[in-house]
């Protein structure tokens, strides 16, 4: 120890040394609390996913059906495209299948979680009888991939869809969008769309 410090330590009265000692636990607690206060909370993966989508506003994707359990699927041999359209409270992706523009995927972040809805419309804009089905994201998603479970409304609206799981994923570089539907734990359909310019 340096002489100066040793001399200073000896110059304190016993009462002063006792007071300093009693302050040490309080100081240590204050330092720990200050450290906790400055640490940012972990980002919720659902917020991260919405942020990823909103970072793609205006981008267009085009591709095709990569798999279908039904070989006569209405999506087979047709170009499938979408554009990311952002509003204050939602991300909408109007989906065009060939010449059909009846579908829109809608992503929102209500207090209950992260939600996906499928909005189906007639050419005049009126709702289809089968529309707004979907559900909330289940646990375990990431900022680039979320799986949405069919809710009770969907199960009632679409016979057999009570076990539907829609998984929407984006490649790390954001150039590939994959939409997959599973039912009864088996793949039912998958679209792979690639980002296009213009």
N, C-alpha and C. Protein backbone atom coordinates (compact mmCIF):
# COMPACT_ATOMS: atom_id res chain seq x y z
N UNK A 1 0.86 -1.20 0.00
CA UNK A 1 0.00 0.00 0.00
C UNK A 1 0.88 1.23 0.00
N UNK A 2 0.46 2.30 -0.70
CA UNK A 2 1.26 3.51 -0.77
C UNK A 2 1.21 4.23 0.57
N UNK A 3 2.28 4.82 0.99
CA UNK A 3 2.34 5.49 2.30
C UNK A 3 1.23 6.50 2.47
N UNK A 4 0.93 7.27 1.44
CA UNK A 4 -0.10 8.30 1.56
C UNK A 4 -1.44 7.73 1.97
N UNK A 5 -1.79 6.58 1.37
CA UNK A 5 -3.06 5.96 1.69
C UNK A 5 -3.08 5.40 3.10
N UNK A 6 -1.96 4.84 3.49
CA UNK A 6 -1.86 4.27 4.83
C UNK A 6 -2.02 5.37 5.87
N UNK A 7 -1.35 6.51 5.64
CA UNK A 7 -1.44 7.62 6.57
C UNK A 7 -2.86 8.16 6.62
N UNK A 8 -3.51 8.26 5.48
CA UNK A 8 -4.88 8.80 5.43
C UNK A 8 -5.82 7.89 6.18
N UNK A 9 -5.65 6.59 6.01
CA UNK A 9 -6.50 5.63 6.70
C UNK A 9 -6.36 5.77 8.20
N UNK A 10 -5.12 5.96 8.67
CA UNK A 10 -4.89 6.08 10.10
C UNK A 10 -5.37 7.41 10.64
N UNK A 11 -5.55 8.40 9.77
CA UNK A 11 -5.97 9.72 10.24
C UNK A 11 -7.47 9.77 10.54
N UNK A 12 -8.26 8.76 10.07
CA UNK A 12 -9.69 8.73 10.35
C UNK A 12 -9.94 8.24 11.76
N UNK A 13 -10.96 8.83 12.38
CA UNK A 13 -11.33 8.37 13.72
C UNK A 13 -12.04 7.04 13.60
N UNK A 14 -12.16 6.36 14.71
CA UNK A 14 -12.87 5.07 14.71
C UNK A 14 -14.32 5.23 14.27
N UNK A 15 -14.94 6.35 14.71
CA UNK A 15 -16.34 6.60 14.34
C UNK A 15 -16.47 6.82 12.83
N UNK A 16 -15.54 7.59 12.23
CA UNK A 16 -15.58 7.84 10.79
C UNK A 16 -15.42 6.54 10.01
N UNK A 17 -14.48 5.70 10.47
CA UNK A 17 -14.27 4.41 9.79
C UNK A 17 -15.52 3.53 9.89
N UNK A 18 -16.17 3.56 11.06
CA UNK A 18 -17.38 2.76 11.24
C UNK A 18 -18.50 3.26 10.35
N UNK A 19 -18.61 4.60 10.22
CA UNK A 19 -19.64 5.17 9.36
C UNK A 19 -19.42 4.77 7.90
N UNK A 20 -18.15 4.82 7.44
CA UNK A 20 -17.85 4.45 6.06
C UNK A 20 -18.16 2.99 5.81
N UNK A 21 -17.83 2.15 6.79
CA UNK A 21 -18.09 0.71 6.65
C UNK A 21 -19.58 0.44 6.53
N UNK A 22 -20.40 1.16 7.30
CA UNK A 22 -21.84 0.94 7.27
C UNK A 22 -22.46 1.40 5.95
N UNK A 23 -21.77 2.32 5.27
CA UNK A 23 -22.30 2.80 3.99
C UNK A 23 -22.02 1.86 2.82
N UNK A 24 -21.04 0.99 2.98
CA UNK A 24 -20.63 0.14 1.85
C UNK A 24 -21.76 -0.72 1.28
N UNK A 25 -22.56 -1.41 2.11
CA UNK A 25 -23.66 -2.22 1.53
C UNK A 25 -24.65 -1.36 0.73
N UNK A 26 -24.98 -0.17 1.25
CA UNK A 26 -25.92 0.71 0.55
C UNK A 26 -25.34 1.16 -0.78
N UNK A 27 -24.04 1.49 -0.79
CA UNK A 27 -23.39 1.90 -2.03
C UNK A 27 -23.37 0.77 -3.05
N UNK A 28 -23.09 -0.44 -2.59
CA UNK A 28 -23.04 -1.60 -3.49
C UNK A 28 -24.42 -1.85 -4.10
N UNK A 29 -25.47 -1.74 -3.27
CA UNK A 29 -26.83 -1.93 -3.77
C UNK A 29 -27.20 -0.88 -4.81
N UNK A 30 -26.81 0.38 -4.53
CA UNK A 30 -27.10 1.46 -5.46
C UNK A 30 -26.42 1.23 -6.81
N UNK A 31 -25.18 0.75 -6.77
CA UNK A 31 -24.45 0.48 -8.01
C UNK A 31 -25.14 -0.63 -8.80
N UNK A 32 -25.56 -1.69 -8.10
CA UNK A 32 -26.24 -2.80 -8.78
C UNK A 32 -27.55 -2.35 -9.40
N UNK A 33 -28.32 -1.56 -8.64
CA UNK A 33 -29.60 -1.09 -9.16
C UNK A 33 -29.40 -0.16 -10.35
N UNK A 34 -28.38 0.66 -10.28
CA UNK A 34 -28.10 1.55 -11.41
C UNK A 34 -27.77 0.75 -12.65
N UNK A 35 -27.01 -0.34 -12.46
CA UNK A 35 -26.66 -1.20 -13.59
C UNK A 35 -27.89 -1.84 -14.20
N UNK A 36 -28.84 -2.27 -13.33
CA UNK A 36 -30.06 -2.90 -13.82
C UNK A 36 -30.94 -1.88 -14.56
N UNK A 37 -30.95 -0.66 -14.05
CA UNK A 37 -31.81 0.36 -14.65
C UNK A 37 -31.35 0.74 -16.06
N UNK A 38 -30.06 0.64 -16.31
CA UNK A 38 -29.56 1.05 -17.62
C UNK A 38 -29.60 -0.08 -18.65
N UNK A 39 -29.78 -1.32 -18.19
CA UNK A 39 -29.82 -2.45 -19.13
C UNK A 39 -31.15 -2.45 -19.87
N UNK A 40 -31.15 -2.42 -21.21
CA UNK A 40 -32.41 -2.40 -21.95
C UNK A 40 -33.13 -3.74 -21.82
N UNK A 41 -34.48 -3.71 -21.75
CA UNK A 41 -35.21 -4.97 -21.66
C UNK A 41 -35.06 -5.75 -22.96
N UNK A 42 -35.11 -7.08 -22.89
CA UNK A 42 -34.98 -7.88 -24.12
C UNK A 42 -36.15 -7.61 -25.06
N UNK A 43 -35.88 -7.58 -26.35
CA UNK A 43 -36.91 -7.31 -27.35
C UNK A 43 -37.82 -8.52 -27.49
N UNK A 44 -39.12 -8.30 -27.38
CA UNK A 44 -40.09 -9.36 -27.60
C UNK A 44 -40.00 -9.78 -29.07
N UNK A 45 -39.93 -11.09 -29.32
CA UNK A 45 -39.79 -11.58 -30.69
C UNK A 45 -40.96 -11.16 -31.58
N UNK A 46 -42.12 -10.98 -30.97
CA UNK A 46 -43.29 -10.56 -31.75
C UNK A 46 -43.13 -9.11 -32.22
N UNK A 47 -42.58 -8.27 -31.33
CA UNK A 47 -42.27 -6.89 -31.74
C UNK A 47 -41.18 -6.89 -32.81
N UNK A 48 -40.21 -7.79 -32.63
CA UNK A 48 -39.13 -7.90 -33.60
C UNK A 48 -39.64 -8.30 -34.98
N UNK A 49 -40.62 -9.20 -35.00
CA UNK A 49 -41.19 -9.65 -36.28
C UNK A 49 -41.93 -8.50 -36.96
N UNK A 50 -42.72 -7.75 -36.19
CA UNK A 50 -43.42 -6.61 -36.78
C UNK A 50 -42.43 -5.57 -37.29
N UNK A 51 -41.34 -5.37 -36.53
CA UNK A 51 -40.32 -4.41 -36.97
C UNK A 51 -39.67 -4.88 -38.27
N UNK A 52 -39.46 -6.20 -38.39
CA UNK A 52 -38.89 -6.74 -39.62
C UNK A 52 -39.82 -6.48 -40.80
N UNK A 53 -41.11 -6.74 -40.61
CA UNK A 53 -42.07 -6.50 -41.69
C UNK A 53 -42.13 -5.02 -42.06
N UNK A 54 -42.15 -4.16 -41.06
CA UNK A 54 -42.25 -2.72 -41.33
C UNK A 54 -40.98 -2.19 -41.99
N UNK A 55 -39.88 -2.90 -41.78
CA UNK A 55 -38.66 -2.51 -42.47
C UNK A 55 -38.69 -2.88 -43.95
N UNK A 56 -39.72 -3.61 -44.37
CA UNK A 56 -39.85 -4.03 -45.76
C UNK A 56 -40.96 -3.30 -46.49
N UNK A 57 -41.50 -2.24 -45.90
CA UNK A 57 -42.61 -1.51 -46.50
C UNK A 57 -42.30 -1.12 -47.94
N UNK A 58 -43.24 -1.39 -48.83
CA UNK A 58 -43.08 -1.04 -50.24
C UNK A 58 -42.39 -2.09 -51.07
N UNK A 59 -41.82 -3.11 -50.44
CA UNK A 59 -41.13 -4.15 -51.21
C UNK A 59 -42.14 -5.12 -51.81
N UNK A 60 -41.80 -5.66 -52.97
CA UNK A 60 -42.64 -6.62 -53.67
C UNK A 60 -41.96 -7.99 -53.72
N UNK A 61 -42.79 -9.03 -53.66
CA UNK A 61 -42.28 -10.41 -53.71
C UNK A 61 -43.09 -11.19 -54.73
N UNK A 62 -42.41 -12.09 -55.41
CA UNK A 62 -43.08 -12.88 -56.45
C UNK A 62 -42.52 -14.30 -56.44
N UNK A 63 -43.39 -15.26 -56.66
CA UNK A 63 -42.93 -16.65 -56.68
C UNK A 63 -44.06 -17.57 -57.07
N UNK A 64 -44.09 -18.73 -56.43
CA UNK A 64 -45.09 -19.74 -56.82
C UNK A 64 -45.27 -20.74 -55.70
N UNK A 65 -46.21 -21.61 -55.91
CA UNK A 65 -46.45 -22.71 -54.99
C UNK A 65 -45.27 -23.68 -55.05
N UNK A 66 -44.68 -23.99 -53.90
CA UNK A 66 -43.58 -24.95 -53.89
C UNK A 66 -44.05 -26.33 -53.46
N UNK A 67 -45.20 -26.38 -52.78
CA UNK A 67 -45.73 -27.67 -52.35
C UNK A 67 -47.24 -27.54 -52.13
N UNK A 68 -47.98 -28.57 -52.47
CA UNK A 68 -49.41 -28.62 -52.16
C UNK A 68 -49.83 -30.07 -51.98
N UNK A 69 -50.59 -30.33 -50.93
CA UNK A 69 -51.06 -31.69 -50.71
C UNK A 69 -52.07 -32.08 -51.79
N UNK A 70 -52.75 -31.08 -52.34
CA UNK A 70 -53.72 -31.31 -53.41
C UNK A 70 -53.07 -30.97 -54.75
N UNK A 71 -52.85 -31.96 -55.63
CA UNK A 71 -52.21 -31.69 -56.92
C UNK A 71 -53.05 -30.77 -57.81
N UNK A 72 -54.34 -30.66 -57.53
CA UNK A 72 -55.22 -29.80 -58.30
C UNK A 72 -55.48 -28.47 -57.59
N UNK A 73 -54.55 -28.08 -56.73
CA UNK A 73 -54.71 -26.84 -55.98
C UNK A 73 -54.93 -25.66 -56.91
N UNK A 74 -55.77 -24.72 -56.47
CA UNK A 74 -56.04 -23.52 -57.28
C UNK A 74 -54.80 -22.65 -57.44
N UNK A 75 -53.77 -22.90 -56.63
CA UNK A 75 -52.54 -22.11 -56.71
C UNK A 75 -51.51 -22.70 -57.68
N UNK A 76 -51.75 -23.94 -58.11
CA UNK A 76 -50.77 -24.61 -58.95
C UNK A 76 -50.57 -23.90 -60.28
N UNK A 77 -49.31 -23.84 -60.70
CA UNK A 77 -48.92 -23.28 -62.01
C UNK A 77 -49.34 -21.82 -62.20
N UNK A 78 -49.43 -21.08 -61.11
CA UNK A 78 -49.78 -19.67 -61.19
C UNK A 78 -48.72 -18.83 -60.47
N UNK A 79 -48.49 -17.65 -60.99
CA UNK A 79 -47.59 -16.71 -60.32
C UNK A 79 -48.30 -16.14 -59.11
N UNK A 80 -47.58 -16.14 -57.98
CA UNK A 80 -48.12 -15.59 -56.73
C UNK A 80 -47.25 -14.40 -56.34
N UNK A 81 -47.89 -13.28 -56.06
CA UNK A 81 -47.12 -12.09 -55.72
C UNK A 81 -47.79 -11.33 -54.59
N UNK A 82 -46.99 -10.50 -53.91
CA UNK A 82 -47.53 -9.65 -52.85
C UNK A 82 -46.65 -8.42 -52.69
N UNK A 83 -47.20 -7.43 -52.02
CA UNK A 83 -46.45 -6.21 -51.70
C UNK A 83 -46.67 -5.90 -50.22
N UNK A 84 -45.64 -5.42 -49.54
CA UNK A 84 -45.75 -5.09 -48.13
C UNK A 84 -46.27 -3.66 -48.01
N UNK A 85 -47.47 -3.53 -47.44
CA UNK A 85 -48.11 -2.22 -47.27
C UNK A 85 -48.26 -1.94 -45.78
N UNK A 86 -47.67 -0.84 -45.32
CA UNK A 86 -47.66 -0.54 -43.88
C UNK A 86 -48.59 0.60 -43.53
N UNK A 87 -49.30 0.44 -42.42
CA UNK A 87 -50.10 1.51 -41.84
C UNK A 87 -49.66 1.67 -40.39
N UNK A 88 -50.28 2.60 -39.68
CA UNK A 88 -49.86 2.86 -38.30
C UNK A 88 -50.05 1.65 -37.39
N UNK A 89 -51.08 0.87 -37.65
CA UNK A 89 -51.39 -0.25 -36.74
C UNK A 89 -51.38 -1.63 -37.38
N UNK A 90 -50.94 -1.73 -38.64
CA UNK A 90 -50.96 -3.05 -39.29
C UNK A 90 -49.97 -3.09 -40.46
N UNK A 91 -49.63 -4.32 -40.82
CA UNK A 91 -48.89 -4.58 -42.06
C UNK A 91 -49.79 -5.45 -42.91
N UNK A 92 -50.11 -4.98 -44.10
CA UNK A 92 -51.01 -5.69 -45.01
C UNK A 92 -50.22 -6.18 -46.21
N UNK A 93 -50.52 -7.40 -46.66
CA UNK A 93 -49.89 -7.95 -47.85
C UNK A 93 -50.98 -8.45 -48.81
N UNK A 94 -51.42 -7.61 -49.73
CA UNK A 94 -52.36 -8.07 -50.75
C UNK A 94 -51.71 -9.16 -51.60
N UNK A 95 -52.39 -10.27 -51.73
CA UNK A 95 -51.83 -11.42 -52.45
C UNK A 95 -52.55 -11.59 -53.78
N UNK A 96 -51.78 -11.67 -54.85
CA UNK A 96 -52.35 -11.92 -56.17
C UNK A 96 -51.94 -13.31 -56.64
N UNK A 97 -52.93 -14.12 -56.99
CA UNK A 97 -52.70 -15.48 -57.50
C UNK A 97 -53.19 -15.51 -58.93
N UNK A 98 -52.26 -15.51 -59.89
CA UNK A 98 -52.67 -15.35 -61.28
C UNK A 98 -53.33 -13.99 -61.44
N UNK A 99 -54.59 -13.97 -61.82
CA UNK A 99 -55.33 -12.71 -61.95
C UNK A 99 -56.22 -12.45 -60.73
N UNK A 100 -56.22 -13.39 -59.80
CA UNK A 100 -57.09 -13.28 -58.62
C UNK A 100 -56.43 -12.40 -57.55
N UNK A 101 -57.14 -11.33 -57.17
CA UNK A 101 -56.62 -10.39 -56.17
C UNK A 101 -57.49 -10.39 -54.90
N UNK A 102 -58.12 -11.49 -54.62
CA UNK A 102 -59.13 -11.51 -53.55
C UNK A 102 -58.55 -11.61 -52.13
N UNK A 103 -57.26 -11.89 -52.01
CA UNK A 103 -56.70 -12.20 -50.69
C UNK A 103 -55.77 -11.10 -50.17
N UNK A 104 -55.81 -10.92 -48.84
CA UNK A 104 -54.85 -10.04 -48.18
C UNK A 104 -54.47 -10.66 -46.84
N UNK A 105 -53.17 -10.75 -46.59
CA UNK A 105 -52.69 -11.16 -45.27
C UNK A 105 -52.54 -9.90 -44.42
N UNK A 106 -53.07 -9.94 -43.20
CA UNK A 106 -53.01 -8.77 -42.32
C UNK A 106 -52.32 -9.16 -41.01
N UNK A 107 -51.25 -8.47 -40.70
CA UNK A 107 -50.50 -8.70 -39.46
C UNK A 107 -50.71 -7.51 -38.52
N UNK A 108 -51.11 -7.79 -37.28
CA UNK A 108 -51.28 -6.74 -36.29
C UNK A 108 -50.64 -7.18 -34.97
N UNK A 109 -50.45 -6.20 -34.08
CA UNK A 109 -49.82 -6.48 -32.78
C UNK A 109 -50.73 -5.95 -31.67
N UNK A 110 -51.87 -6.63 -31.43
CA UNK A 110 -52.75 -6.22 -30.34
C UNK A 110 -52.10 -6.56 -28.99
N UNK A 111 -52.67 -6.04 -27.88
CA UNK A 111 -52.09 -6.35 -26.56
C UNK A 111 -51.97 -7.85 -26.28
N UNK A 112 -52.87 -8.63 -26.86
CA UNK A 112 -52.86 -10.08 -26.59
C UNK A 112 -51.73 -10.81 -27.27
N UNK A 113 -51.07 -10.20 -28.26
CA UNK A 113 -49.97 -10.89 -28.96
C UNK A 113 -49.77 -10.40 -30.37
N UNK A 114 -49.41 -11.33 -31.24
CA UNK A 114 -49.19 -11.04 -32.66
C UNK A 114 -50.21 -11.83 -33.46
N UNK A 115 -50.92 -11.16 -34.36
CA UNK A 115 -52.06 -11.79 -35.03
C UNK A 115 -51.92 -11.76 -36.54
N UNK A 116 -52.36 -12.85 -37.17
CA UNK A 116 -52.46 -12.94 -38.63
C UNK A 116 -53.91 -13.22 -39.01
N UNK A 117 -54.42 -12.42 -39.94
CA UNK A 117 -55.77 -12.63 -40.48
C UNK A 117 -55.70 -12.72 -41.99
N UNK A 118 -56.59 -13.52 -42.56
CA UNK A 118 -56.70 -13.66 -44.01
C UNK A 118 -58.01 -12.99 -44.44
N UNK A 119 -57.89 -11.87 -45.12
CA UNK A 119 -59.05 -11.10 -45.56
C UNK A 119 -59.36 -11.47 -47.00
N UNK A 120 -60.52 -12.07 -47.24
CA UNK A 120 -60.94 -12.46 -48.58
C UNK A 120 -62.08 -11.56 -49.04
N UNK A 121 -61.95 -11.01 -50.25
CA UNK A 121 -62.95 -10.08 -50.77
C UNK A 121 -63.37 -10.45 -52.19
N UNK A 122 -64.60 -10.09 -52.52
CA UNK A 122 -65.08 -10.21 -53.90
C UNK A 122 -64.52 -9.04 -54.71
N UNK A 123 -64.57 -9.14 -56.04
CA UNK A 123 -64.05 -8.04 -56.89
C UNK A 123 -64.63 -6.67 -56.56
N UNK A 124 -65.87 -6.63 -56.05
CA UNK A 124 -66.48 -5.33 -55.73
C UNK A 124 -66.09 -4.84 -54.33
N UNK A 125 -65.24 -5.61 -53.64
CA UNK A 125 -64.76 -5.18 -52.33
C UNK A 125 -65.55 -5.70 -51.15
N UNK A 126 -66.67 -6.37 -51.41
CA UNK A 126 -67.46 -6.91 -50.30
C UNK A 126 -66.80 -8.17 -49.75
N UNK A 127 -66.94 -8.42 -48.45
CA UNK A 127 -66.29 -9.58 -47.83
C UNK A 127 -66.84 -10.91 -48.35
N UNK A 128 -65.96 -11.86 -48.53
CA UNK A 128 -66.36 -13.23 -48.85
C UNK A 128 -67.01 -13.83 -47.60
N UNK A 129 -67.76 -14.92 -47.79
CA UNK A 129 -68.35 -15.58 -46.62
C UNK A 129 -67.28 -16.23 -45.75
N UNK A 130 -66.17 -16.61 -46.38
CA UNK A 130 -65.04 -17.19 -45.64
C UNK A 130 -63.92 -16.14 -45.63
N UNK A 131 -63.83 -15.40 -44.55
CA UNK A 131 -62.84 -14.33 -44.47
C UNK A 131 -62.44 -14.06 -43.02
N UNK A 132 -61.35 -13.38 -42.85
CA UNK A 132 -60.80 -12.96 -41.55
C UNK A 132 -60.48 -14.14 -40.63
N UNK A 133 -60.16 -15.27 -41.22
CA UNK A 133 -59.71 -16.40 -40.40
C UNK A 133 -58.21 -16.25 -40.13
N UNK A 134 -57.76 -16.96 -39.11
CA UNK A 134 -56.35 -16.87 -38.72
C UNK A 134 -56.21 -17.12 -37.24
N UNK A 135 -55.29 -16.41 -36.61
CA UNK A 135 -55.09 -16.61 -35.19
C UNK A 135 -53.84 -15.91 -34.68
N UNK A 136 -53.49 -16.21 -33.44
CA UNK A 136 -52.37 -15.56 -32.77
C UNK A 136 -51.10 -16.40 -32.92
N UNK A 137 -49.96 -15.72 -32.85
CA UNK A 137 -48.67 -16.41 -32.93
C UNK A 137 -48.43 -17.21 -31.65
N UNK A 138 -47.88 -18.39 -31.81
CA UNK A 138 -47.56 -19.20 -30.64
C UNK A 138 -46.18 -18.82 -30.11
N UNK A 139 -45.85 -19.34 -28.94
CA UNK A 139 -44.55 -19.05 -28.33
C UNK A 139 -43.42 -19.66 -29.16
N UNK A 140 -42.25 -19.05 -29.04
CA UNK A 140 -41.07 -19.63 -29.68
C UNK A 140 -40.72 -19.06 -31.02
N UNK A 141 -41.41 -17.99 -31.45
CA UNK A 141 -41.08 -17.39 -32.73
C UNK A 141 -39.85 -16.50 -32.63
N UNK A 142 -39.50 -15.90 -33.75
CA UNK A 142 -38.33 -15.03 -33.79
C UNK A 142 -38.67 -13.77 -34.58
N UNK A 143 -37.71 -12.89 -34.71
CA UNK A 143 -37.92 -11.66 -35.47
C UNK A 143 -38.08 -11.93 -36.95
N UNK A 144 -37.77 -13.15 -37.40
CA UNK A 144 -37.86 -13.47 -38.83
C UNK A 144 -38.80 -14.63 -39.13
N UNK A 145 -39.39 -15.22 -38.12
CA UNK A 145 -40.31 -16.33 -38.37
C UNK A 145 -41.31 -16.45 -37.22
N UNK A 146 -42.58 -16.54 -37.59
CA UNK A 146 -43.63 -16.72 -36.59
C UNK A 146 -44.65 -17.73 -37.11
N UNK A 147 -45.18 -18.53 -36.18
CA UNK A 147 -46.20 -19.52 -36.51
C UNK A 147 -47.50 -19.12 -35.82
N UNK A 148 -48.58 -19.10 -36.58
CA UNK A 148 -49.87 -18.63 -36.09
C UNK A 148 -50.86 -19.79 -36.00
N UNK A 149 -51.50 -19.93 -34.84
CA UNK A 149 -52.41 -21.04 -34.59
C UNK A 149 -53.86 -20.62 -34.88
N UNK A 150 -54.59 -21.50 -35.52
CA UNK A 150 -56.00 -21.23 -35.80
C UNK A 150 -56.77 -21.01 -34.50
N UNK A 151 -57.63 -19.99 -34.49
CA UNK A 151 -58.42 -19.72 -33.30
C UNK A 151 -59.82 -20.34 -33.43
N UNK A 152 -60.64 -20.11 -32.41
CA UNK A 152 -61.97 -20.72 -32.38
C UNK A 152 -62.83 -20.22 -33.53
N UNK A 153 -62.72 -18.94 -33.88
CA UNK A 153 -63.48 -18.40 -35.00
C UNK A 153 -63.15 -19.14 -36.29
N UNK A 154 -61.86 -19.40 -36.51
CA UNK A 154 -61.42 -20.11 -37.71
C UNK A 154 -61.95 -21.54 -37.72
N UNK A 155 -61.86 -22.20 -36.58
CA UNK A 155 -62.33 -23.58 -36.48
C UNK A 155 -63.82 -23.70 -36.81
N UNK A 156 -64.58 -22.69 -36.43
CA UNK A 156 -66.02 -22.69 -36.71
C UNK A 156 -66.30 -22.33 -38.16
N UNK A 157 -65.48 -21.44 -38.72
CA UNK A 157 -65.71 -20.94 -40.08
C UNK A 157 -65.28 -21.93 -41.16
N UNK A 158 -64.13 -22.59 -40.92
CA UNK A 158 -63.55 -23.47 -41.94
C UNK A 158 -63.49 -24.90 -41.38
N UNK A 159 -64.35 -25.80 -41.84
CA UNK A 159 -64.34 -27.17 -41.33
C UNK A 159 -62.96 -27.83 -41.50
N UNK A 160 -62.47 -28.42 -40.44
CA UNK A 160 -61.18 -29.12 -40.48
C UNK A 160 -59.99 -28.23 -40.22
N UNK A 161 -60.21 -26.92 -40.07
CA UNK A 161 -59.07 -25.99 -39.93
C UNK A 161 -58.68 -25.73 -38.48
N UNK A 162 -59.28 -26.45 -37.55
CA UNK A 162 -58.99 -26.18 -36.14
C UNK A 162 -57.53 -26.42 -35.76
N UNK A 163 -56.82 -27.23 -36.56
CA UNK A 163 -55.40 -27.50 -36.26
C UNK A 163 -54.46 -26.72 -37.19
N UNK A 164 -55.00 -25.81 -37.97
CA UNK A 164 -54.16 -25.04 -38.91
C UNK A 164 -53.05 -24.28 -38.18
N UNK A 165 -51.87 -24.31 -38.79
CA UNK A 165 -50.75 -23.49 -38.34
C UNK A 165 -50.16 -22.82 -39.58
N UNK A 166 -50.18 -21.49 -39.60
CA UNK A 166 -49.58 -20.74 -40.70
C UNK A 166 -48.22 -20.21 -40.24
N UNK A 167 -47.19 -20.55 -40.97
CA UNK A 167 -45.85 -20.07 -40.62
C UNK A 167 -45.37 -19.12 -41.70
N UNK A 168 -45.00 -17.92 -41.29
CA UNK A 168 -44.50 -16.91 -42.21
C UNK A 168 -43.05 -16.63 -41.82
N UNK A 169 -42.14 -16.80 -42.78
CA UNK A 169 -40.71 -16.66 -42.50
C UNK A 169 -40.04 -15.78 -43.55
N UNK A 170 -38.98 -15.11 -43.11
CA UNK A 170 -38.17 -14.28 -44.00
C UNK A 170 -36.73 -14.71 -43.89
N UNK A 171 -36.06 -14.82 -45.03
CA UNK A 171 -34.64 -15.18 -45.01
C UNK A 171 -33.85 -14.09 -44.29
N UNK A 172 -32.64 -14.43 -43.88
CA UNK A 172 -31.82 -13.50 -43.12
C UNK A 172 -31.58 -12.20 -43.85
N UNK A 173 -31.43 -12.26 -45.16
CA UNK A 173 -31.20 -11.04 -45.94
C UNK A 173 -32.50 -10.39 -46.42
N UNK A 174 -33.64 -10.98 -46.05
CA UNK A 174 -34.92 -10.40 -46.39
C UNK A 174 -35.34 -10.57 -47.84
N UNK A 175 -34.64 -11.41 -48.58
CA UNK A 175 -34.94 -11.55 -50.01
C UNK A 175 -35.96 -12.64 -50.33
N UNK A 176 -36.24 -13.52 -49.37
CA UNK A 176 -37.16 -14.63 -49.61
C UNK A 176 -38.23 -14.66 -48.51
N UNK A 177 -39.48 -14.69 -48.94
CA UNK A 177 -40.62 -14.78 -48.04
C UNK A 177 -41.28 -16.14 -48.24
N UNK A 178 -41.44 -16.87 -47.16
CA UNK A 178 -42.06 -18.20 -47.23
C UNK A 178 -43.33 -18.22 -46.38
N UNK A 179 -44.39 -18.71 -46.98
CA UNK A 179 -45.69 -18.84 -46.31
C UNK A 179 -46.05 -20.33 -46.36
N UNK A 180 -46.30 -20.91 -45.21
CA UNK A 180 -46.54 -22.36 -45.14
C UNK A 180 -47.77 -22.63 -44.29
N UNK A 181 -48.58 -23.56 -44.76
CA UNK A 181 -49.75 -24.00 -44.01
C UNK A 181 -49.60 -25.47 -43.64
N UNK A 182 -49.75 -25.75 -42.34
CA UNK A 182 -49.79 -27.14 -41.86
C UNK A 182 -51.17 -27.40 -41.26
N UNK A 183 -51.64 -28.63 -41.42
CA UNK A 183 -52.91 -29.05 -40.81
C UNK A 183 -52.75 -30.47 -40.29
N UNK A 184 -53.19 -30.70 -39.10
CA UNK A 184 -53.03 -32.00 -38.43
C UNK A 184 -51.54 -32.40 -38.41
N UNK A 185 -50.67 -31.41 -38.17
CA UNK A 185 -49.22 -31.63 -38.07
C UNK A 185 -48.59 -32.11 -39.38
N UNK A 186 -49.27 -31.87 -40.50
CA UNK A 186 -48.72 -32.27 -41.80
C UNK A 186 -48.75 -31.07 -42.76
N UNK A 187 -47.70 -30.92 -43.58
CA UNK A 187 -47.70 -29.79 -44.53
C UNK A 187 -48.86 -29.90 -45.51
N UNK A 188 -49.47 -28.75 -45.77
CA UNK A 188 -50.62 -28.72 -46.68
C UNK A 188 -50.33 -27.87 -47.92
N UNK A 189 -49.62 -26.76 -47.72
CA UNK A 189 -49.26 -25.90 -48.85
C UNK A 189 -48.11 -24.99 -48.44
N UNK A 190 -47.32 -24.58 -49.43
CA UNK A 190 -46.22 -23.66 -49.15
C UNK A 190 -45.98 -22.78 -50.37
N UNK A 191 -45.83 -21.48 -50.14
CA UNK A 191 -45.44 -20.54 -51.18
C UNK A 191 -44.03 -20.05 -50.87
N UNK A 192 -43.21 -19.93 -51.88
CA UNK A 192 -41.89 -19.32 -51.74
C UNK A 192 -41.82 -18.14 -52.69
N UNK A 193 -41.70 -16.95 -52.13
CA UNK A 193 -41.72 -15.72 -52.92
C UNK A 193 -40.40 -14.98 -52.75
N UNK A 194 -39.86 -14.49 -53.85
CA UNK A 194 -38.58 -13.77 -53.83
C UNK A 194 -38.79 -12.29 -54.10
N UNK A 195 -37.99 -11.48 -53.43
CA UNK A 195 -38.11 -10.04 -53.60
C UNK A 195 -37.76 -9.64 -55.04
N UNK A 196 -38.56 -8.74 -55.59
CA UNK A 196 -38.32 -8.27 -56.96
C UNK A 196 -38.19 -6.75 -56.91
N UNK A 197 -37.47 -6.21 -57.84
CA UNK A 197 -37.28 -4.75 -57.91
C UNK A 197 -38.39 -4.11 -58.72
N UNK A 198 -38.61 -2.84 -58.47
CA UNK A 198 -39.61 -2.11 -59.23
C UNK A 198 -41.00 -2.27 -58.67
